[in-house]
Amino acid sequence: MGGPGILVPISMFLMIFGIVYLIFSTRNRERLALIEKGVDASIFLKGTGKGFSAWKIFVVNFAFLLIGSGVGIFIALLITTYTSLNDGAVYPSIIFIMAGVGLLAGFKKAKDLDKEE
């Protein structure tokens, strides 16, 4: 009925669930071990007081990644339109290059924002 095509979404879901489960269970075990050793629990609240919050840094990096990918698609379109290069090689390479440039710019911007706070 479903065939092998249904295995891909099921395995993706199981993989994501497994990764999230491992992250949370490992974090919980690590915290319990630190508490058993008598370490102050305030280290778990580190970063909530001052500094730039993690979700803002994620949004900045994600925005620069999307901008870089969009510029990469546009540049690849221009290159394939005005040259005889193979678009099967141009599109992935330019998109990855510009996405990397976007991530570098996002990293620099997030570092600057973190210094301001």
C-alpha atoms as a PDB file:
ATOM      1  CA  MET A   1       0.000   0.000   0.000  1.00  0.00           C
ATOM      2  CA  GLY A   2       2.490   2.662   1.156  1.00  0.00           C
ATOM      3  CA  GLY A   3       5.575   1.052  -0.298  1.00  0.00           C
ATOM      4  CA  PRO A   4       9.132   2.175   0.210  1.00  0.00           C
ATOM      5  CA  GLY A   5       8.230   5.820  -0.419  1.00  0.00           C
ATOM      6  CA  ILE A   6       6.719   6.107   3.067  1.00  0.00           C
ATOM      7  CA  LEU A   7       9.982   4.969   4.684  1.00  0.00           C
ATOM      8  CA  VAL A   8      11.756   8.237   3.907  1.00  0.00           C
ATOM      9  CA  PRO A   9       9.431  10.540   5.921  1.00  0.00           C
ATOM     10  CA  ILE A  10       9.204   8.012   8.746  1.00  0.00           C
ATOM     11  CA  SER A  11      12.979   7.606   8.948  1.00  0.00           C
ATOM     12  CA  MET A  12      13.469  11.406   8.815  1.00  0.00           C
ATOM     13  CA  PHE A  13      11.023  11.846  11.690  1.00  0.00           C
ATOM     14  CA  LEU A  14      12.716   9.097  13.712  1.00  0.00           C
ATOM     15  CA  MET A  15      16.153  10.600  13.041  1.00  0.00           C
ATOM     16  CA  ILE A  16      15.081  14.087  14.164  1.00  0.00           C
ATOM     17  CA  PHE A  17      13.332  12.655  17.229  1.00  0.00           C
ATOM     18  CA  GLY A  18      16.438  10.629  18.100  1.00  0.00           C
ATOM     19  CA  ILE A  19      18.745  13.635  17.815  1.00  0.00           C
ATOM     20  CA  VAL A  20      16.475  15.820  19.969  1.00  0.00           C
ATOM     21  CA  TYR A  21      16.112  13.018  22.529  1.00  0.00           C
ATOM     22  CA  LEU A  22      19.886  12.550  22.730  1.00  0.00           C
ATOM     23  CA  ILE A  23      20.473  16.280  23.168  1.00  0.00           C
ATOM     24  CA  PHE A  24      17.977  16.612  25.998  1.00  0.00           C
ATOM     25  CA  SER A  25      18.916  13.380  27.782  1.00  0.00           C
ATOM     26  CA  THR A  26      22.630  14.184  27.589  1.00  0.00           C
ATOM     27  CA  ARG A  27      22.033  17.709  28.861  1.00  0.00           C
ATOM     28  CA  ASN A  28      19.937  16.364  31.730  1.00  0.00           C
ATOM     29  CA  ARG A  29      22.600  13.782  32.707  1.00  0.00           C
ATOM     30  CA  GLU A  30      25.308  16.435  32.531  1.00  0.00           C
ATOM     31  CA  ARG A  31      23.363  18.778  34.788  1.00  0.00           C
ATOM     32  CA  LEU A  32      22.630  16.025  37.294  1.00  0.00           C
ATOM     33  CA  ALA A  33      26.317  15.092  37.409  1.00  0.00           C
ATOM     34  CA  LEU A  34      27.301  18.720  38.049  1.00  0.00           C
ATOM     35  CA  ILE A  35      24.685  19.070  40.778  1.00  0.00           C
ATOM     36  CA  GLU A  36      25.931  15.846  42.445  1.00  0.00           C
ATOM     37  CA  LYS A  37      29.434  17.312  42.510  1.00  0.00           C
ATOM     38  CA  GLY A  38      28.079  20.369  44.289  1.00  0.00           C
ATOM     39  CA  VAL A  39      28.586  22.863  41.481  1.00  0.00           C
ATOM     40  CA  ASP A  40      26.447  25.977  41.750  1.00  0.00           C
ATOM     41  CA  ALA A  41      23.329  25.688  39.580  1.00  0.00           C
ATOM     42  CA  SER A  42      23.664  29.306  38.438  1.00  0.00           C
ATOM     43  CA  ILE A  43      25.889  28.165  35.557  1.00  0.00           C
ATOM     44  CA  PHE A  44      22.738  26.889  33.824  1.00  0.00           C
ATOM     45  CA  LEU A  45      21.347  30.415  33.763  1.00  0.00           C
ATOM     46  CA  LYS A  46      24.507  31.845  32.197  1.00  0.00           C
ATOM     47  CA  GLY A  47      23.710  34.107  29.291  1.00  0.00           C
ATOM     48  CA  THR A  48      20.151  34.943  30.324  1.00  0.00           C
ATOM     49  CA  GLY A  49      21.099  38.073  32.205  1.00  0.00           C
ATOM     50  CA  LYS A  50      23.226  40.160  29.892  1.00  0.00           C
ATOM     51  CA  GLY A  51      24.532  39.690  26.411  1.00  0.00           C
ATOM     52  CA  PHE A  52      22.819  39.133  23.122  1.00  0.00           C
ATOM     53  CA  SER A  53      20.264  36.341  23.218  1.00  0.00           C
ATOM     54  CA  ALA A  54      20.885  33.246  21.110  1.00  0.00           C
ATOM     55  CA  TRP A  55      17.700  33.519  19.065  1.00  0.00           C
ATOM     56  CA  LYS A  56      18.648  36.995  17.863  1.00  0.00           C
ATOM     57  CA  ILE A  57      22.051  35.738  16.744  1.00  0.00           C
ATOM     58  CA  PHE A  58      20.332  32.831  14.972  1.00  0.00           C
ATOM     59  CA  VAL A  59      17.945  35.208  13.195  1.00  0.00           C
ATOM     60  CA  VAL A  60      20.814  37.464  12.073  1.00  0.00           C
ATOM     61  CA  ASN A  61      22.835  34.508  10.756  1.00  0.00           C
ATOM     62  CA  PHE A  62      19.779  32.981   9.069  1.00  0.00           C
ATOM     63  CA  ALA A  63      18.923  36.293   7.423  1.00  0.00           C
ATOM     64  CA  PHE A  64      22.448  36.662   6.052  1.00  0.00           C
ATOM     65  CA  LEU A  65      22.359  33.029   4.870  1.00  0.00           C
ATOM     66  CA  LEU A  66      19.127  33.632   2.953  1.00  0.00           C
ATOM     67  CA  ILE A  67      20.436  36.896   1.504  1.00  0.00           C
ATOM     68  CA  GLY A  68      23.639  35.160   0.400  1.00  0.00           C
ATOM     69  CA  SER A  69      21.686  32.286  -1.162  1.00  0.00           C
ATOM     70  CA  GLY A  70      19.418  34.692  -3.033  1.00  0.00           C
ATOM     71  CA  VAL A  71      22.363  36.685  -4.348  1.00  0.00           C
ATOM     72  CA  GLY A  72      24.035  33.404  -5.314  1.00  0.00           C
ATOM     73  CA  ILE A  73      21.000  32.292  -7.322  1.00  0.00           C
ATOM     74  CA  PHE A  74      20.902  35.675  -9.069  1.00  0.00           C
ATOM     75  CA  ILE A  75      24.616  35.612  -9.902  1.00  0.00           C
ATOM     76  CA  ALA A  76      24.354  32.016 -11.142  1.00  0.00           C
ATOM     77  CA  LEU A  77      21.430  33.035 -13.363  1.00  0.00           C
ATOM     78  CA  LEU A  78      23.489  35.870 -14.833  1.00  0.00           C
ATOM     79  CA  ILE A  79      26.499  33.603 -15.378  1.00  0.00           C
ATOM     80  CA  THR A  80      24.493  30.879 -17.100  1.00  0.00           C
ATOM     81  CA  THR A  81      22.588  33.385 -19.219  1.00  0.00           C
ATOM     82  CA  TYR A  82      25.598  35.270 -20.557  1.00  0.00           C
ATOM     83  CA  THR A  83      28.140  32.416 -20.761  1.00  0.00           C
ATOM     84  CA  SER A  84      28.116  28.874 -22.108  1.00  0.00           C
ATOM     85  CA  LEU A  85      29.004  27.318 -18.746  1.00  0.00           C
ATOM     86  CA  ASN A  86      27.109  24.250 -17.589  1.00  0.00           C
ATOM     87  CA  ASP A  87      24.341  25.412 -15.244  1.00  0.00           C
ATOM     88  CA  GLY A  88      24.432  22.065 -13.402  1.00  0.00           C
ATOM     89  CA  ALA A  89      27.811  23.055 -11.995  1.00  0.00           C
ATOM     90  CA  VAL A  90      27.377  26.826 -11.769  1.00  0.00           C
ATOM     91  CA  TYR A  91      24.217  26.966  -9.654  1.00  0.00           C
ATOM     92  CA  PRO A  92      25.348  24.798  -6.688  1.00  0.00           C
ATOM     93  CA  SER A  93      28.841  26.263  -6.598  1.00  0.00           C
ATOM     94  CA  ILE A  94      27.786  29.925  -6.688  1.00  0.00           C
ATOM     95  CA  ILE A  95      24.934  29.336  -4.222  1.00  0.00           C
ATOM     96  CA  PHE A  96      27.266  27.624  -1.736  1.00  0.00           C
ATOM     97  CA  ILE A  97      29.943  30.277  -2.162  1.00  0.00           C
ATOM     98  CA  MET A  98      27.499  33.135  -1.592  1.00  0.00           C
ATOM     99  CA  ALA A  99      25.794  31.314   1.299  1.00  0.00           C
ATOM    100  CA  GLY A 100      29.231  30.943   2.915  1.00  0.00           C
ATOM    101  CA  VAL A 101      29.945  34.629   2.362  1.00  0.00           C
ATOM    102  CA  GLY A 102      26.534  35.403   3.893  1.00  0.00           C
ATOM    103  CA  LEU A 103      27.297  33.257   6.941  1.00  0.00           C
ATOM    104  CA  LEU A 104      30.664  34.976   7.383  1.00  0.00           C
ATOM    105  CA  ALA A 105      28.980  38.377   7.200  1.00  0.00           C
ATOM    106  CA  GLY A 106      26.317  37.212   9.662  1.00  0.00           C
ATOM    107  CA  PHE A 107      29.000  35.956  12.033  1.00  0.00           C
ATOM    108  CA  LYS A 108      30.808  39.297  11.916  1.00  0.00           C
ATOM    109  CA  LYS A 109      27.546  41.198  12.453  1.00  0.00           C
ATOM    110  CA  ALA A 110      26.506  38.943  15.352  1.00  0.00           C
ATOM    111  CA  LYS A 111      29.943  39.423  16.939  1.00  0.00           C
ATOM    112  CA  ASP A 112      29.552  43.205  16.608  1.00  0.00           C
ATOM    113  CA  LEU A 113      26.054  43.064  18.112  1.00  0.00           C
ATOM    114  CA  ASP A 114      27.350  40.940  20.994  1.00  0.00           C
ATOM    115  CA  LYS A 115      30.046  43.559  21.728  1.00  0.00           C
ATOM    116  CA  GLU A 116      27.428  46.333  21.827  1.00  0.00           C
ATOM    117  CA  GLU A 117      25.368  44.656  24.535  1.00  0.00           C
END
